[in-house]
Amino acid sequence: MIQTAEFESVLKNTLLSNELDMPGLESRHLLKGHKGERKNKYSVLWIFKSQEALQELFGIEEKPKRGPVNFVNFEDNILSKFLDRSADKIVFTDYWELGSTKSHHHDSVQDRKVT
C-alpha cells in the first residue's frame, strides 16, 4: 500500500528537480486521478519535443529501450520502493499529439501509470 504523502513528496521532488532531464523532454507532470476509473491513482505524463526524441530514448515498439541511465535509476531506486511490481512492468502508452490549443505543438506524449 502506497503511503500517499511520502509517495507524492518523493515523486514531486524528483520530478521537479533536474535529475530527470533528458534530451528532447520538454516537461513532466505528476497526475492523480480525482474521479472516474483511475480515481486516487497516479500517472506521470512526459511531454517530448518530437517522436524522434522519444524513440531515441525509449526505442520503438518492436525494439524498446528502458531509457537513459538517469530514468532507469529513478525507476529502479526511487519509484520501485512504491510499486507492487518491477518498474520495467509499468503500464505505459505513447501518444502522438494530433492537435492542441497551445501554440507550441508536441509530437509525442508518454503516459506512465505508476499506480
N, C-alpha and C. Protein backbone atom coordinates (compact mmCIF):
# COMPACT_ATOMS: atom_id res chain seq x y z
N MET A 1 0.84 -1.19 0.00
CA MET A 1 0.00 0.00 0.00
C MET A 1 0.88 1.25 0.00
N ILE A 2 0.62 2.13 -0.91
CA ILE A 2 1.41 3.35 -1.03
C ILE A 2 1.07 4.31 0.10
N GLN A 3 2.11 4.84 0.74
CA GLN A 3 1.95 5.91 1.71
C GLN A 3 1.83 7.21 0.90
N THR A 4 0.61 7.71 0.77
CA THR A 4 0.30 8.80 -0.15
C THR A 4 1.20 10.01 0.03
N ALA A 5 1.32 10.53 1.23
CA ALA A 5 2.10 11.76 1.44
C ALA A 5 3.56 11.55 1.07
N GLU A 6 4.15 10.43 1.49
CA GLU A 6 5.56 10.17 1.17
C GLU A 6 5.74 9.98 -0.34
N PHE A 7 4.86 9.21 -0.95
CA PHE A 7 4.93 8.96 -2.39
C PHE A 7 4.86 10.28 -3.16
N GLU A 8 3.86 11.10 -2.86
CA GLU A 8 3.69 12.37 -3.56
C GLU A 8 4.89 13.28 -3.35
N SER A 9 5.40 13.34 -2.14
CA SER A 9 6.55 14.18 -1.83
C SER A 9 7.80 13.73 -2.59
N VAL A 10 8.08 12.45 -2.54
CA VAL A 10 9.28 11.91 -3.21
C VAL A 10 9.17 12.12 -4.71
N LEU A 11 8.02 11.79 -5.30
CA LEU A 11 7.88 11.96 -6.74
C LEU A 11 7.91 13.42 -7.16
N LYS A 12 7.24 14.28 -6.43
CA LYS A 12 7.26 15.71 -6.78
C LYS A 12 8.68 16.24 -6.72
N ASN A 13 9.39 15.93 -5.65
CA ASN A 13 10.76 16.44 -5.51
C ASN A 13 11.66 15.93 -6.63
N THR A 14 11.53 14.68 -6.98
CA THR A 14 12.37 14.12 -8.03
C THR A 14 11.97 14.66 -9.40
N LEU A 15 10.67 14.67 -9.68
CA LEU A 15 10.21 15.13 -10.99
C LEU A 15 10.48 16.61 -11.22
N LEU A 16 10.46 17.40 -10.16
CA LEU A 16 10.68 18.84 -10.32
C LEU A 16 12.15 19.22 -10.29
N SER A 17 13.01 18.27 -9.98
CA SER A 17 14.45 18.54 -9.99
C SER A 17 14.99 18.30 -11.40
N ASN A 18 16.26 18.62 -11.59
CA ASN A 18 16.86 18.38 -12.90
C ASN A 18 17.42 16.96 -13.03
N GLU A 19 17.21 16.12 -12.02
CA GLU A 19 17.70 14.74 -12.06
C GLU A 19 17.15 13.95 -13.24
N LEU A 20 15.96 14.30 -13.69
CA LEU A 20 15.33 13.54 -14.77
C LEU A 20 15.32 14.28 -16.10
N ASP A 21 16.13 15.31 -16.22
CA ASP A 21 16.25 15.99 -17.51
C ASP A 21 16.78 15.01 -18.55
N MET A 22 16.20 15.06 -19.74
CA MET A 22 16.60 14.18 -20.84
C MET A 22 16.54 14.98 -22.13
N PRO A 23 17.37 14.62 -23.11
CA PRO A 23 17.29 15.32 -24.40
C PRO A 23 15.89 15.18 -25.00
N GLY A 24 15.32 16.28 -25.42
CA GLY A 24 14.01 16.27 -26.06
C GLY A 24 12.83 16.27 -25.11
N LEU A 25 13.06 16.14 -23.80
CA LEU A 25 11.97 16.16 -22.83
C LEU A 25 11.65 17.61 -22.48
N GLU A 26 10.43 18.02 -22.78
CA GLU A 26 10.05 19.41 -22.55
C GLU A 26 9.39 19.64 -21.21
N SER A 27 8.63 18.65 -20.72
CA SER A 27 8.02 18.79 -19.39
C SER A 27 7.59 17.43 -18.89
N ARG A 28 7.38 17.36 -17.59
CA ARG A 28 6.88 16.14 -16.96
C ARG A 28 5.88 16.57 -15.89
N HIS A 29 4.86 15.73 -15.71
CA HIS A 29 3.75 16.10 -14.84
C HIS A 29 3.34 14.90 -14.00
N LEU A 30 3.26 15.07 -12.69
CA LEU A 30 2.73 14.05 -11.80
C LEU A 30 1.24 14.30 -11.66
N LEU A 31 0.44 13.30 -12.01
CA LEU A 31 -1.01 13.44 -12.01
C LEU A 31 -1.64 12.44 -11.05
N LYS A 32 -2.74 12.85 -10.44
CA LYS A 32 -3.51 11.97 -9.56
C LYS A 32 -4.97 12.06 -9.98
N GLY A 33 -5.56 10.89 -10.27
CA GLY A 33 -6.95 10.87 -10.67
C GLY A 33 -7.84 11.36 -9.53
N HIS A 34 -8.83 12.19 -9.87
CA HIS A 34 -9.73 12.67 -8.82
C HIS A 34 -11.16 12.19 -9.01
N LYS A 35 -11.45 11.58 -10.16
CA LYS A 35 -12.75 10.91 -10.35
C LYS A 35 -12.62 9.97 -11.53
N GLY A 36 -13.55 9.07 -11.64
CA GLY A 36 -13.54 8.13 -12.76
C GLY A 36 -12.75 6.87 -12.44
N GLU A 37 -12.42 6.11 -13.48
CA GLU A 37 -11.80 4.80 -13.34
C GLU A 37 -10.46 4.84 -12.61
N ARG A 38 -9.69 5.89 -12.77
CA ARG A 38 -8.36 5.96 -12.14
C ARG A 38 -8.35 6.91 -10.94
N LYS A 39 -9.48 7.05 -10.27
CA LYS A 39 -9.56 7.89 -9.07
C LYS A 39 -8.52 7.42 -8.04
N ASN A 40 -7.76 8.39 -7.49
CA ASN A 40 -6.72 8.16 -6.48
C ASN A 40 -5.55 7.32 -7.00
N LYS A 41 -5.42 7.19 -8.30
CA LYS A 41 -4.27 6.50 -8.89
C LYS A 41 -3.39 7.55 -9.56
N TYR A 42 -2.12 7.20 -9.73
CA TYR A 42 -1.14 8.16 -10.21
C TYR A 42 -0.65 7.82 -11.60
N SER A 43 -0.28 8.86 -12.30
CA SER A 43 0.33 8.72 -13.61
C SER A 43 1.34 9.85 -13.76
N VAL A 44 2.38 9.59 -14.54
CA VAL A 44 3.34 10.64 -14.86
C VAL A 44 3.26 10.86 -16.36
N LEU A 45 3.02 12.09 -16.74
CA LEU A 45 2.90 12.47 -18.13
C LEU A 45 4.20 13.14 -18.56
N TRP A 46 4.83 12.60 -19.58
CA TRP A 46 6.11 13.09 -20.10
C TRP A 46 5.84 13.70 -21.47
N ILE A 47 6.21 14.96 -21.66
CA ILE A 47 5.98 15.65 -22.92
C ILE A 47 7.33 15.79 -23.64
N PHE A 48 7.43 15.17 -24.81
CA PHE A 48 8.67 15.20 -25.59
C PHE A 48 8.51 16.11 -26.79
N LYS A 49 9.62 16.70 -27.20
CA LYS A 49 9.65 17.63 -28.32
C LYS A 49 9.18 16.96 -29.61
N SER A 50 9.53 15.70 -29.79
CA SER A 50 9.20 15.02 -31.03
C SER A 50 9.16 13.50 -30.82
N GLN A 51 8.58 12.83 -31.78
CA GLN A 51 8.56 11.37 -31.76
C GLN A 51 9.99 10.84 -31.82
N GLU A 52 10.82 11.49 -32.59
CA GLU A 52 12.21 11.06 -32.73
C GLU A 52 12.95 11.13 -31.39
N ALA A 53 12.71 12.20 -30.63
CA ALA A 53 13.36 12.34 -29.32
C ALA A 53 12.92 11.22 -28.38
N LEU A 54 11.63 10.91 -28.38
CA LEU A 54 11.10 9.84 -27.54
C LEU A 54 11.69 8.49 -27.97
N GLN A 55 11.72 8.24 -29.25
CA GLN A 55 12.23 6.96 -29.75
C GLN A 55 13.73 6.81 -29.51
N GLU A 56 14.46 7.89 -29.58
CA GLU A 56 15.90 7.83 -29.31
C GLU A 56 16.15 7.34 -27.88
N LEU A 57 15.33 7.78 -26.96
CA LEU A 57 15.49 7.41 -25.55
C LEU A 57 14.88 6.06 -25.19
N PHE A 58 13.69 5.77 -25.74
CA PHE A 58 12.93 4.60 -25.30
C PHE A 58 12.71 3.55 -26.39
N GLY A 59 13.27 3.77 -27.56
CA GLY A 59 13.16 2.79 -28.63
C GLY A 59 11.81 2.84 -29.33
N ILE A 60 11.59 1.83 -30.15
CA ILE A 60 10.32 1.70 -30.87
C ILE A 60 9.61 0.46 -30.33
N GLU A 61 8.36 0.30 -30.69
CA GLU A 61 7.57 -0.80 -30.14
C GLU A 61 8.22 -2.16 -30.37
N GLU A 62 8.79 -2.35 -31.54
CA GLU A 62 9.40 -3.64 -31.86
C GLU A 62 10.76 -3.83 -31.18
N LYS A 63 11.37 -2.73 -30.75
CA LYS A 63 12.69 -2.81 -30.12
C LYS A 63 12.78 -1.75 -29.01
N PRO A 64 12.07 -1.99 -27.90
CA PRO A 64 12.04 -0.99 -26.82
C PRO A 64 13.38 -0.90 -26.08
N LYS A 65 13.61 0.28 -25.48
CA LYS A 65 14.75 0.51 -24.60
C LYS A 65 14.18 0.94 -23.25
N ARG A 66 14.90 0.69 -22.18
CA ARG A 66 14.43 1.10 -20.85
C ARG A 66 14.55 2.59 -20.63
N GLY A 67 15.36 3.26 -21.42
CA GLY A 67 15.53 4.70 -21.28
C GLY A 67 16.94 5.05 -20.85
N PRO A 68 17.20 6.34 -20.69
CA PRO A 68 18.54 6.77 -20.29
C PRO A 68 18.84 6.37 -18.85
N VAL A 69 20.11 6.41 -18.50
CA VAL A 69 20.57 5.95 -17.18
C VAL A 69 19.84 6.66 -16.04
N ASN A 70 19.66 7.98 -16.12
CA ASN A 70 19.00 8.69 -15.02
C ASN A 70 17.55 8.24 -14.86
N PHE A 71 16.88 7.91 -15.96
CA PHE A 71 15.50 7.44 -15.89
C PHE A 71 15.43 6.04 -15.30
N VAL A 72 16.31 5.15 -15.75
CA VAL A 72 16.36 3.78 -15.21
C VAL A 72 16.69 3.81 -13.72
N ASN A 73 17.63 4.66 -13.31
CA ASN A 73 17.96 4.80 -11.89
C ASN A 73 16.76 5.29 -11.08
N PHE A 74 16.01 6.24 -11.63
CA PHE A 74 14.80 6.74 -10.97
C PHE A 74 13.80 5.60 -10.79
N GLU A 75 13.53 4.85 -11.85
CA GLU A 75 12.56 3.75 -11.74
C GLU A 75 13.04 2.67 -10.77
N ASP A 76 14.32 2.28 -10.88
CA ASP A 76 14.84 1.16 -10.09
C ASP A 76 15.10 1.52 -8.63
N ASN A 77 15.52 2.75 -8.35
CA ASN A 77 15.95 3.10 -7.00
C ASN A 77 14.99 3.99 -6.22
N ILE A 78 14.11 4.68 -6.90
CA ILE A 78 13.18 5.58 -6.20
C ILE A 78 11.74 5.07 -6.36
N LEU A 79 11.29 5.01 -7.61
CA LEU A 79 9.91 4.62 -7.87
C LEU A 79 9.61 3.20 -7.41
N SER A 80 10.56 2.28 -7.58
CA SER A 80 10.32 0.86 -7.26
C SER A 80 9.96 0.64 -5.79
N LYS A 81 10.37 1.54 -4.91
CA LYS A 81 10.04 1.42 -3.48
C LYS A 81 8.54 1.49 -3.24
N PHE A 82 7.82 2.08 -4.19
CA PHE A 82 6.39 2.29 -4.02
C PHE A 82 5.53 1.37 -4.89
N LEU A 83 6.17 0.55 -5.72
CA LEU A 83 5.42 -0.26 -6.68
C LEU A 83 5.13 -1.67 -6.16
N ASP A 84 4.07 -2.26 -6.71
CA ASP A 84 3.73 -3.65 -6.39
C ASP A 84 4.24 -4.60 -7.47
N ARG A 85 5.08 -4.10 -8.37
CA ARG A 85 5.67 -4.88 -9.46
C ARG A 85 7.00 -4.22 -9.82
N SER A 86 7.78 -4.88 -10.66
CA SER A 86 9.05 -4.27 -11.04
C SER A 86 8.78 -3.06 -11.93
N ALA A 87 9.67 -2.09 -11.85
CA ALA A 87 9.48 -0.83 -12.57
C ALA A 87 9.39 -1.04 -14.08
N ASP A 88 10.07 -2.05 -14.60
CA ASP A 88 10.00 -2.25 -16.06
C ASP A 88 8.69 -2.89 -16.50
N LYS A 89 7.78 -3.13 -15.55
CA LYS A 89 6.44 -3.66 -15.87
C LYS A 89 5.35 -2.59 -15.76
N ILE A 90 5.76 -1.32 -15.62
CA ILE A 90 4.80 -0.23 -15.55
C ILE A 90 4.01 -0.17 -16.86
N VAL A 91 2.71 -0.01 -16.75
CA VAL A 91 1.86 0.14 -17.92
C VAL A 91 2.06 1.55 -18.47
N PHE A 92 2.34 1.63 -19.75
CA PHE A 92 2.51 2.96 -20.34
C PHE A 92 1.85 2.99 -21.71
N THR A 93 1.59 4.19 -22.17
CA THR A 93 1.08 4.42 -23.50
C THR A 93 1.81 5.62 -24.08
N ASP A 94 2.31 5.49 -25.29
CA ASP A 94 2.88 6.62 -26.01
C ASP A 94 1.79 7.16 -26.92
N TYR A 95 1.63 8.47 -26.93
CA TYR A 95 0.62 9.11 -27.77
C TYR A 95 1.30 10.04 -28.76
N TRP A 96 0.68 10.19 -29.92
CA TRP A 96 1.05 11.24 -30.84
C TRP A 96 0.02 12.34 -30.66
N GLU A 97 0.48 13.54 -30.47
CA GLU A 97 -0.45 14.66 -30.33
C GLU A 97 -0.93 15.05 -31.72
N LEU A 98 -2.23 15.01 -31.91
CA LEU A 98 -2.81 15.33 -33.21
C LEU A 98 -3.26 16.77 -33.31
N GLY A 99 -3.48 17.40 -32.18
CA GLY A 99 -3.90 18.79 -32.16
C GLY A 99 -3.83 19.33 -30.75
N SER A 100 -3.75 20.65 -30.64
CA SER A 100 -3.64 21.28 -29.33
C SER A 100 -4.11 22.73 -29.42
N THR A 101 -4.61 23.23 -28.30
CA THR A 101 -4.96 24.64 -28.24
C THR A 101 -3.75 25.50 -27.91
N LYS A 102 -2.65 24.87 -27.53
CA LYS A 102 -1.41 25.58 -27.24
C LYS A 102 -0.74 25.96 -28.54
N SER A 103 -0.01 27.05 -28.52
CA SER A 103 0.65 27.50 -29.75
C SER A 103 1.84 26.62 -30.10
N HIS A 104 2.42 25.94 -29.11
CA HIS A 104 3.57 25.08 -29.36
C HIS A 104 3.09 23.64 -29.43
N HIS A 105 3.36 22.99 -30.54
CA HIS A 105 2.89 21.63 -30.77
C HIS A 105 3.95 20.61 -30.36
N HIS A 106 3.53 19.53 -29.71
CA HIS A 106 4.40 18.43 -29.32
C HIS A 106 3.99 17.21 -30.14
N ASP A 107 4.95 16.49 -30.65
CA ASP A 107 4.63 15.29 -31.41
C ASP A 107 4.29 14.11 -30.52
N SER A 108 5.01 13.96 -29.41
CA SER A 108 4.90 12.73 -28.62
C SER A 108 4.68 13.00 -27.14
N VAL A 109 3.79 12.22 -26.57
CA VAL A 109 3.49 12.28 -25.15
C VAL A 109 3.52 10.85 -24.63
N GLN A 110 4.13 10.66 -23.46
CA GLN A 110 4.17 9.33 -22.86
C GLN A 110 3.46 9.40 -21.52
N ASP A 111 2.54 8.49 -21.29
CA ASP A 111 1.79 8.39 -20.05
C ASP A 111 2.21 7.09 -19.38
N ARG A 112 2.78 7.19 -18.17
CA ARG A 112 3.22 6.01 -17.43
C ARG A 112 2.36 5.91 -16.17
N LYS A 113 1.52 4.88 -16.11
CA LYS A 113 0.63 4.69 -14.97
C LYS A 113 1.41 3.99 -13.86
N VAL A 114 1.73 4.73 -12.82
CA VAL A 114 2.59 4.19 -11.77
C VAL A 114 1.81 3.49 -10.66
N THR A 115 0.54 3.77 -10.53
CA THR A 115 -0.29 3.03 -9.57
C THR A 115 -1.65 2.79 -10.18
